[in-house]
Amino acid sequence: MIFYDLLIYRKRIFFVEILIFEYDRDLIIYRKVIFFLQNLILEYDRDLIIYRKVIFFLQILIFEYDRDLLIYRKEYSSFKS
């Protein structure tokens, strides 16, 4: 009876060790995924900064073209009269 109980405990311990091993493996995978996602976020943040600079530059260009267009319209209307 004791031998049988010991065998059952060893099987349970083995099962628990396998579970621990699988959880450790999964944890390593999750850490790799988190690291990959952090790198992606970092790259997107950097890209976002670049995109914001480009948008700002384009807004300045649009403003200048609007201003020039206004000037040309005033000149045209004064020339037309």
PDB file of N, CA and C in Angstrom:
ATOM      1  N   MET A   1       0.828  -1.195   0.000  1.00  0.00           N
ATOM      2  CA  MET A   1       0.000   0.000   0.000  1.00  0.00           C
ATOM      3  C   MET A   1       0.868   1.253   0.000  1.00  0.00           C
ATOM      4  N   ILE A   2       1.889   1.280   0.802  1.00  0.00           N
ATOM      5  CA  ILE A   2       2.770   2.440   0.857  1.00  0.00           C
ATOM      6  C   ILE A   2       3.487   2.610  -0.486  1.00  0.00           C
ATOM      7  N   PHE A   3       3.909   1.511  -1.044  1.00  0.00           N
ATOM      8  CA  PHE A   3       4.591   1.571  -2.336  1.00  0.00           C
ATOM      9  C   PHE A   3       3.661   2.139  -3.408  1.00  0.00           C
ATOM     10  N   TYR A   4       2.414   1.709  -3.379  1.00  0.00           N
ATOM     11  CA  TYR A   4       1.426   2.188  -4.338  1.00  0.00           C
ATOM     12  C   TYR A   4       1.200   3.693  -4.153  1.00  0.00           C
ATOM     13  N   ASP A   5       1.047   4.148  -2.917  1.00  0.00           N
ATOM     14  CA  ASP A   5       0.873   5.577  -2.633  1.00  0.00           C
ATOM     15  C   ASP A   5       2.083   6.375  -3.101  1.00  0.00           C
ATOM     16  N   LEU A   6       3.249   5.833  -2.869  1.00  0.00           N
ATOM     17  CA  LEU A   6       4.473   6.505  -3.300  1.00  0.00           C
ATOM     18  C   LEU A   6       4.513   6.639  -4.821  1.00  0.00           C
ATOM     19  N   LEU A   7       4.089   5.617  -5.507  1.00  0.00           N
ATOM     20  CA  LEU A   7       4.033   5.647  -6.970  1.00  0.00           C
ATOM     21  C   LEU A   7       3.059   6.724  -7.453  1.00  0.00           C
ATOM     22  N   ILE A   8       1.920   6.790  -6.816  1.00  0.00           N
ATOM     23  CA  ILE A   8       0.917   7.805  -7.184  1.00  0.00           C
ATOM     24  C   ILE A   8       1.478   9.208  -6.934  1.00  0.00           C
ATOM     25  N   TYR A   9       2.139   9.429  -5.800  1.00  0.00           N
ATOM     26  CA  TYR A   9       2.717  10.740  -5.499  1.00  0.00           C
ATOM     27  C   TYR A   9       3.791  11.109  -6.517  1.00  0.00           C
ATOM     28  N   ARG A  10       4.591  10.122  -6.898  1.00  0.00           N
ATOM     29  CA  ARG A  10       5.627  10.394  -7.898  1.00  0.00           C
ATOM     30  C   ARG A  10       5.011  10.769  -9.241  1.00  0.00           C
ATOM     31  N   LYS A  11       3.933  10.088  -9.604  1.00  0.00           N
ATOM     32  CA  LYS A  11       3.245  10.438 -10.854  1.00  0.00           C
ATOM     33  C   LYS A  11       2.687  11.863 -10.772  1.00  0.00           C
ATOM     34  N   ARG A  12       2.124  12.200  -9.627  1.00  0.00           N
ATOM     35  CA  ARG A  12       1.583  13.555  -9.453  1.00  0.00           C
ATOM     36  C   ARG A  12       2.707  14.590  -9.500  1.00  0.00           C
ATOM     37  N   ILE A  13       3.797  14.287  -8.853  1.00  0.00           N
ATOM     38  CA  ILE A  13       4.940  15.205  -8.869  1.00  0.00           C
ATOM     39  C   ILE A  13       5.449  15.369 -10.297  1.00  0.00           C
ATOM     40  N   PHE A  14       5.535  14.269 -11.021  1.00  0.00           N
ATOM     41  CA  PHE A  14       5.977  14.332 -12.413  1.00  0.00           C
ATOM     42  C   PHE A  14       5.022  15.194 -13.239  1.00  0.00           C
ATOM     43  N   PHE A  15       3.729  14.990 -13.037  1.00  0.00           N
ATOM     44  CA  PHE A  15       2.728  15.777 -13.745  1.00  0.00           C
ATOM     45  C   PHE A  15       2.880  17.267 -13.420  1.00  0.00           C
ATOM     46  N   VAL A  16       3.066  17.580 -12.152  1.00  0.00           N
ATOM     47  CA  VAL A  16       3.237  18.976 -11.734  1.00  0.00           C
ATOM     48  C   VAL A  16       4.524  19.550 -12.332  1.00  0.00           C
ATOM     49  N   GLU A  17       5.589  18.763 -12.381  1.00  0.00           N
ATOM     50  CA  GLU A  17       6.839  19.242 -12.982  1.00  0.00           C
ATOM     51  C   GLU A  17       6.651  19.536 -14.467  1.00  0.00           C
ATOM     52  N   ILE A  18       5.888  18.686 -15.142  1.00  0.00           N
ATOM     53  CA  ILE A  18       5.600  18.936 -16.562  1.00  0.00           C
ATOM     54  C   ILE A  18       4.799  20.228 -16.707  1.00  0.00           C
ATOM     55  N   LEU A  19       3.814  20.409 -15.846  1.00  0.00           N
ATOM     56  CA  LEU A  19       3.022  21.646 -15.890  1.00  0.00           C
ATOM     57  C   LEU A  19       3.906  22.869 -15.662  1.00  0.00           C
ATOM     58  N   ILE A  20       4.771  22.788 -14.675  1.00  0.00           N
ATOM     59  CA  ILE A  20       5.679  23.903 -14.381  1.00  0.00           C
ATOM     60  C   ILE A  20       6.569  24.182 -15.588  1.00  0.00           C
ATOM     61  N   PHE A  21       7.081  23.129 -16.199  1.00  0.00           N
ATOM     62  CA  PHE A  21       7.922  23.297 -17.382  1.00  0.00           C
ATOM     63  C   PHE A  21       7.148  23.987 -18.501  1.00  0.00           C
ATOM     64  N   GLU A  22       5.899  23.549 -18.735  1.00  0.00           N
ATOM     65  CA  GLU A  22       5.088  24.160 -19.795  1.00  0.00           C
ATOM     66  C   GLU A  22       4.800  25.626 -19.482  1.00  0.00           C
ATOM     67  N   TYR A  23       4.496  25.919 -18.226  1.00  0.00           N
ATOM     68  CA  TYR A  23       4.231  27.308 -17.857  1.00  0.00           C
ATOM     69  C   TYR A  23       5.483  28.164 -18.009  1.00  0.00           C
ATOM     70  N   ASP A  24       6.626  27.609 -17.648  1.00  0.00           N
ATOM     71  CA  ASP A  24       7.884  28.337 -17.851  1.00  0.00           C
ATOM     72  C   ASP A  24       8.117  28.615 -19.331  1.00  0.00           C
ATOM     73  N   ARG A  25       7.881  27.610 -20.147  1.00  0.00           N
ATOM     74  CA  ARG A  25       8.048  27.773 -21.590  1.00  0.00           C
ATOM     75  C   ARG A  25       7.089  28.844 -22.124  1.00  0.00           C
ATOM     76  N   ASP A  26       5.831  28.770 -21.706  1.00  0.00           N
ATOM     77  CA  ASP A  26       4.850  29.768 -22.133  1.00  0.00           C
ATOM     78  C   ASP A  26       5.255  31.161 -21.668  1.00  0.00           C
ATOM     79  N   LEU A  27       5.770  31.244 -20.456  1.00  0.00           N
ATOM     80  CA  LEU A  27       6.202  32.533 -19.924  1.00  0.00           C
ATOM     81  C   LEU A  27       7.327  33.120 -20.772  1.00  0.00           C
ATOM     82  N   ILE A  28       8.254  32.282 -21.177  1.00  0.00           N
ATOM     83  CA  ILE A  28       9.340  32.746 -22.054  1.00  0.00           C
ATOM     84  C   ILE A  28       8.766  33.247 -23.372  1.00  0.00           C
ATOM     85  N   ILE A  29       7.813  32.507 -23.925  1.00  0.00           N
ATOM     86  CA  ILE A  29       7.182  32.929 -25.182  1.00  0.00           C
ATOM     87  C   ILE A  29       6.466  34.263 -24.983  1.00  0.00           C
ATOM     88  N   TYR A  30       5.719  34.405 -23.899  1.00  0.00           N
ATOM     89  CA  TYR A  30       5.000  35.656 -23.643  1.00  0.00           C
ATOM     90  C   TYR A  30       5.964  36.825 -23.476  1.00  0.00           C
ATOM     91  N   ARG A  31       7.083  36.576 -22.813  1.00  0.00           N
ATOM     92  CA  ARG A  31       8.077  37.644 -22.653  1.00  0.00           C
ATOM     93  C   ARG A  31       8.649  38.051 -23.999  1.00  0.00           C
ATOM     94  N   LYS A  32       8.885  37.077 -24.875  1.00  0.00           N
ATOM     95  CA  LYS A  32       9.379  37.401 -26.217  1.00  0.00           C
ATOM     96  C   LYS A  32       8.349  38.213 -26.988  1.00  0.00           C
ATOM     97  N   VAL A  33       7.089  37.825 -26.861  1.00  0.00           N
ATOM     98  CA  VAL A  33       6.018  38.558 -27.545  1.00  0.00           C
ATOM     99  C   VAL A  33       5.933  39.983 -27.004  1.00  0.00           C
ATOM    100  N   ILE A  34       6.014  40.139 -25.696  1.00  0.00           N
ATOM    101  CA  ILE A  34       5.972  41.471 -25.086  1.00  0.00           C
ATOM    102  C   ILE A  34       7.156  42.308 -25.562  1.00  0.00           C
ATOM    103  N   PHE A  35       8.329  41.712 -25.605  1.00  0.00           N
ATOM    104  CA  PHE A  35       9.511  42.431 -26.082  1.00  0.00           C
ATOM    105  C   PHE A  35       9.317  42.868 -27.532  1.00  0.00           C
ATOM    106  N   PHE A  36       8.790  41.968 -28.361  1.00  0.00           N
ATOM    107  CA  PHE A  36       8.528  42.299 -29.762  1.00  0.00           C
ATOM    108  C   PHE A  36       7.521  43.446 -29.867  1.00  0.00           C
ATOM    109  N   LEU A  37       6.465  43.384 -29.060  1.00  0.00           N
ATOM    110  CA  LEU A  37       5.449  44.439 -29.094  1.00  0.00           C
ATOM    111  C   LEU A  37       6.012  45.772 -28.609  1.00  0.00           C
ATOM    112  N   GLN A  38       6.871  45.724 -27.603  1.00  0.00           N
ATOM    113  CA  GLN A  38       7.492  46.961 -27.128  1.00  0.00           C
ATOM    114  C   GLN A  38       8.361  47.576 -28.219  1.00  0.00           C
ATOM    115  N   ASN A  39       9.081  46.740 -28.951  1.00  0.00           N
ATOM    116  CA  ASN A  39       9.888  47.250 -30.061  1.00  0.00           C
ATOM    117  C   ASN A  39       9.010  47.848 -31.146  1.00  0.00           C
ATOM    118  N   LEU A  40       7.886  47.182 -31.426  1.00  0.00           N
ATOM    119  CA  LEU A  40       6.960  47.723 -32.423  1.00  0.00           C
ATOM    120  C   LEU A  40       6.424  49.081 -31.985  1.00  0.00           C
ATOM    121  N   ILE A  41       6.039  49.168 -30.722  1.00  0.00           N
ATOM    122  CA  ILE A  41       5.514  50.430 -30.192  1.00  0.00           C
ATOM    123  C   ILE A  41       6.574  51.519 -30.296  1.00  0.00           C
ATOM    124  N   LEU A  42       7.805  51.174 -29.966  1.00  0.00           N
ATOM    125  CA  LEU A  42       8.894  52.142 -30.061  1.00  0.00           C
ATOM    126  C   LEU A  42       9.069  52.619 -31.499  1.00  0.00           C
ATOM    127  N   GLU A  43       9.043  51.681 -32.449  1.00  0.00           N
ATOM    128  CA  GLU A  43       9.180  52.056 -33.856  1.00  0.00           C
ATOM    129  C   GLU A  43       8.006  52.913 -34.309  1.00  0.00           C
ATOM    130  N   TYR A  44       6.785  52.546 -33.886  1.00  0.00           N
ATOM    131  CA  TYR A  44       5.623  53.334 -34.275  1.00  0.00           C
ATOM    132  C   TYR A  44       5.665  54.721 -33.647  1.00  0.00           C
ATOM    133  N   ASP A  45       6.152  54.819 -32.413  1.00  0.00           N
ATOM    134  CA  ASP A  45       6.309  56.132 -31.793  1.00  0.00           C
ATOM    135  C   ASP A  45       7.276  56.991 -32.598  1.00  0.00           C
ATOM    136  N   ARG A  46       8.382  56.381 -33.007  1.00  0.00           N
ATOM    137  CA  ARG A  46       9.361  57.114 -33.807  1.00  0.00           C
ATOM    138  C   ARG A  46       8.741  57.528 -35.146  1.00  0.00           C
ATOM    139  N   ASP A  47       8.020  56.597 -35.779  1.00  0.00           N
ATOM    140  CA  ASP A  47       7.357  56.918 -37.042  1.00  0.00           C
ATOM    141  C   ASP A  47       6.303  57.999 -36.841  1.00  0.00           C
ATOM    142  N   LEU A  48       5.592  57.918 -35.730  1.00  0.00           N
ATOM    143  CA  LEU A  48       4.556  58.908 -35.447  1.00  0.00           C
ATOM    144  C   LEU A  48       5.160  60.303 -35.321  1.00  0.00           C
ATOM    145  N   ILE A  49       6.305  60.392 -34.676  1.00  0.00           N
ATOM    146  CA  ILE A  49       6.988  61.684 -34.562  1.00  0.00           C
ATOM    147  C   ILE A  49       7.341  62.203 -35.951  1.00  0.00           C
ATOM    148  N   ILE A  50       7.856  61.315 -36.794  1.00  0.00           N
ATOM    149  CA  ILE A  50       8.197  61.717 -38.166  1.00  0.00           C
ATOM    150  C   ILE A  50       6.941  62.162 -38.907  1.00  0.00           C
ATOM    151  N   TYR A  51       5.847  61.401 -38.794  1.00  0.00           N
ATOM    152  CA  TYR A  51       4.607  61.761 -39.480  1.00  0.00           C
ATOM    153  C   TYR A  51       4.075  63.100 -38.983  1.00  0.00           C
ATOM    154  N   ARG A  52       4.184  63.356 -37.691  1.00  0.00           N
ATOM    155  CA  ARG A  52       3.720  64.645 -37.164  1.00  0.00           C
ATOM    156  C   ARG A  52       4.548  65.794 -37.731  1.00  0.00           C
ATOM    157  N   LYS A  53       5.855  65.570 -37.869  1.00  0.00           N
ATOM    158  CA  LYS A  53       6.703  66.610 -38.456  1.00  0.00           C
ATOM    159  C   LYS A  53       6.318  66.859 -39.907  1.00  0.00           C
ATOM    160  N   VAL A  54       6.050  65.778 -40.645  1.00  0.00           N
ATOM    161  CA  VAL A  54       5.643  65.912 -42.046  1.00  0.00           C
ATOM    162  C   VAL A  54       4.309  66.645 -42.135  1.00  0.00           C
ATOM    163  N   ILE A  55       3.369  66.293 -41.279  1.00  0.00           N
ATOM    164  CA  ILE A  55       2.065  66.963 -41.277  1.00  0.00           C
ATOM    165  C   ILE A  55       2.230  68.442 -40.948  1.00  0.00           C
ATOM    166  N   PHE A  56       3.064  68.745 -39.977  1.00  0.00           N
ATOM    167  CA  PHE A  56       3.305  70.140 -39.624  1.00  0.00           C
ATOM    168  C   PHE A  56       3.897  70.898 -40.814  1.00  0.00           C
ATOM    169  N   PHE A  57       4.872  70.282 -41.486  1.00  0.00           N
ATOM    170  CA  PHE A  57       5.482  70.901 -42.664  1.00  0.00           C
ATOM    171  C   PHE A  57       4.433  71.126 -43.757  1.00  0.00           C
ATOM    172  N   LEU A  58       3.566  70.142 -43.976  1.00  0.00           N
ATOM    173  CA  LEU A  58       2.523  70.283 -44.997  1.00  0.00           C
ATOM    174  C   LEU A  58       1.523  71.374 -44.617  1.00  0.00           C
ATOM    175  N   GLN A  59       1.218  71.497 -43.344  1.00  0.00           N
ATOM    176  CA  GLN A  59       0.310  72.559 -42.913  1.00  0.00           C
ATOM    177  C   GLN A  59       0.921  73.933 -43.171  1.00  0.00           C
ATOM    178  N   ILE A  60       2.214  74.040 -42.936  1.00  0.00           N
ATOM    179  CA  ILE A  60       2.896  75.309 -43.224  1.00  0.00           C
ATOM    180  C   ILE A  60       2.850  75.603 -44.719  1.00  0.00           C
ATOM    181  N   LEU A  61       3.108  74.581 -45.529  1.00  0.00           N
ATOM    182  CA  LEU A  61       3.036  74.766 -46.983  1.00  0.00           C
ATOM    183  C   LEU A  61       1.639  75.206 -47.414  1.00  0.00           C
ATOM    184  N   ILE A  62       0.624  74.555 -46.880  1.00  0.00           N
ATOM    185  CA  ILE A  62      -0.757  74.912 -47.217  1.00  0.00           C
ATOM    186  C   ILE A  62      -1.040  76.354 -46.812  1.00  0.00           C
ATOM    187  N   PHE A  63      -0.594  76.729 -45.634  1.00  0.00           N
ATOM    188  CA  PHE A  63      -0.794  78.098 -45.176  1.00  0.00           C
ATOM    189  C   PHE A  63      -0.130  79.090 -46.132  1.00  0.00           C
ATOM    190  N   GLU A  64       1.115  78.793 -46.546  1.00  0.00           N
ATOM    191  CA  GLU A  64       1.822  79.692 -47.465  1.00  0.00           C
ATOM    192  C   GLU A  64       1.114  79.769 -48.812  1.00  0.00           C
ATOM    193  N   TYR A  65       0.646  78.643 -49.323  1.00  0.00           N
ATOM    194  CA  TYR A  65      -0.059  78.662 -50.606  1.00  0.00           C
ATOM    195  C   TYR A  65      -1.378  79.405 -50.494  1.00  0.00           C
ATOM    196  N   ASP A  66      -2.072  79.243 -49.387  1.00  0.00           N
ATOM    197  CA  ASP A  66      -3.314  79.996 -49.174  1.00  0.00           C
ATOM    198  C   ASP A  66      -3.028  81.498 -49.145  1.00  0.00           C
ATOM    199  N   ARG A  67      -1.967  81.862 -48.456  1.00  0.00           N
ATOM    200  CA  ARG A  67      -1.606  83.275 -48.363  1.00  0.00           C
ATOM    201  C   ARG A  67      -1.242  83.818 -49.746  1.00  0.00           C
ATOM    202  N   ASP A  68      -0.439  83.051 -50.496  1.00  0.00           N
ATOM    203  CA  ASP A  68      -0.062  83.482 -51.843  1.00  0.00           C
ATOM    204  C   ASP A  68      -1.280  83.591 -52.751  1.00  0.00           C
ATOM    205  N   LEU A  69      -2.181  82.646 -52.641  1.00  0.00           N
ATOM    206  CA  LEU A  69      -3.392  82.680 -53.454  1.00  0.00           C
ATOM    207  C   LEU A  69      -4.221  83.915 -53.134  1.00  0.00           C
ATOM    208  N   LEU A  70      -4.306  84.252 -51.884  1.00  0.00           N
ATOM    209  CA  LEU A  70      -5.037  85.450 -51.479  1.00  0.00           C
ATOM    210  C   LEU A  70      -4.393  86.700 -52.080  1.00  0.00           C
ATOM    211  N   ILE A  71      -3.069  86.741 -52.029  1.00  0.00           N
ATOM    212  CA  ILE A  71      -2.342  87.882 -52.609  1.00  0.00           C
ATOM    213  C   ILE A  71      -2.592  87.954 -54.109  1.00  0.00           C
ATOM    214  N   TYR A  72      -2.515  86.832 -54.797  1.00  0.00           N
ATOM    215  CA  TYR A  72      -2.735  86.820 -56.255  1.00  0.00           C
ATOM    216  C   TYR A  72      -4.154  87.240 -56.598  1.00  0.00           C
ATOM    217  N   ARG A  73      -5.111  86.832 -55.807  1.00  0.00           N
ATOM    218  CA  ARG A  73      -6.501  87.231 -56.073  1.00  0.00           C
ATOM    219  C   ARG A  73      -6.674  88.738 -55.890  1.00  0.00           C
ATOM    220  N   LYS A  74      -6.031  89.280 -54.870  1.00  0.00           N
ATOM    221  CA  LYS A  74      -6.119  90.731 -54.661  1.00  0.00           C
ATOM    222  C   LYS A  74      -5.482  91.471 -55.829  1.00  0.00           C
ATOM    223  N   GLU A  75      -4.317  90.984 -56.254  1.00  0.00           N
ATOM    224  CA  GLU A  75      -3.644  91.620 -57.389  1.00  0.00           C
ATOM    225  C   GLU A  75      -4.487  91.495 -58.652  1.00  0.00           C
ATOM    226  N   TYR A  76      -5.081  90.348 -58.859  1.00  0.00           N
ATOM    227  CA  TYR A  76      -5.899  90.130 -60.047  1.00  0.00           C
ATOM    228  C   TYR A  76      -7.128  91.034 -60.025  1.00  0.00           C
ATOM    229  N   SER A  77      -7.755  91.142 -58.862  1.00  0.00           N
ATOM    230  CA  SER A  77      -8.949  91.983 -58.782  1.00  0.00           C
ATOM    231  C   SER A  77      -8.588  93.459 -58.963  1.00  0.00           C
ATOM    232  N   SER A  78      -7.426  93.880 -58.471  1.00  0.00           N
ATOM    233  CA  SER A  78      -7.025  95.273 -58.676  1.00  0.00           C
ATOM    234  C   SER A  78      -6.616  95.503 -60.135  1.00  0.00           C
ATOM    235  N   PHE A  79      -6.022  94.505 -60.760  1.00  0.00           N
ATOM    236  CA  PHE A  79      -5.632  94.619 -62.163  1.00  0.00           C
ATOM    237  C   PHE A  79      -6.866  94.632 -63.056  1.00  0.00           C
ATOM    238  N   LYS A  80      -7.860  93.861 -62.705  1.00  0.00           N
ATOM    239  CA  LYS A  80      -9.079  93.741 -63.489  1.00  0.00           C
ATOM    240  C   LYS A  80      -9.885  95.029 -63.448  1.00  0.00           C
ATOM    241  N   SER A  81      -9.836  95.728 -62.358  1.00  0.00           N
ATOM    242  CA  SER A  81     -10.632  96.943 -62.233  1.00  0.00           C
ATOM    243  C   SER A  81     -10.046  98.056 -62.969  1.00  0.00           C
TER     244      SER A  81
END
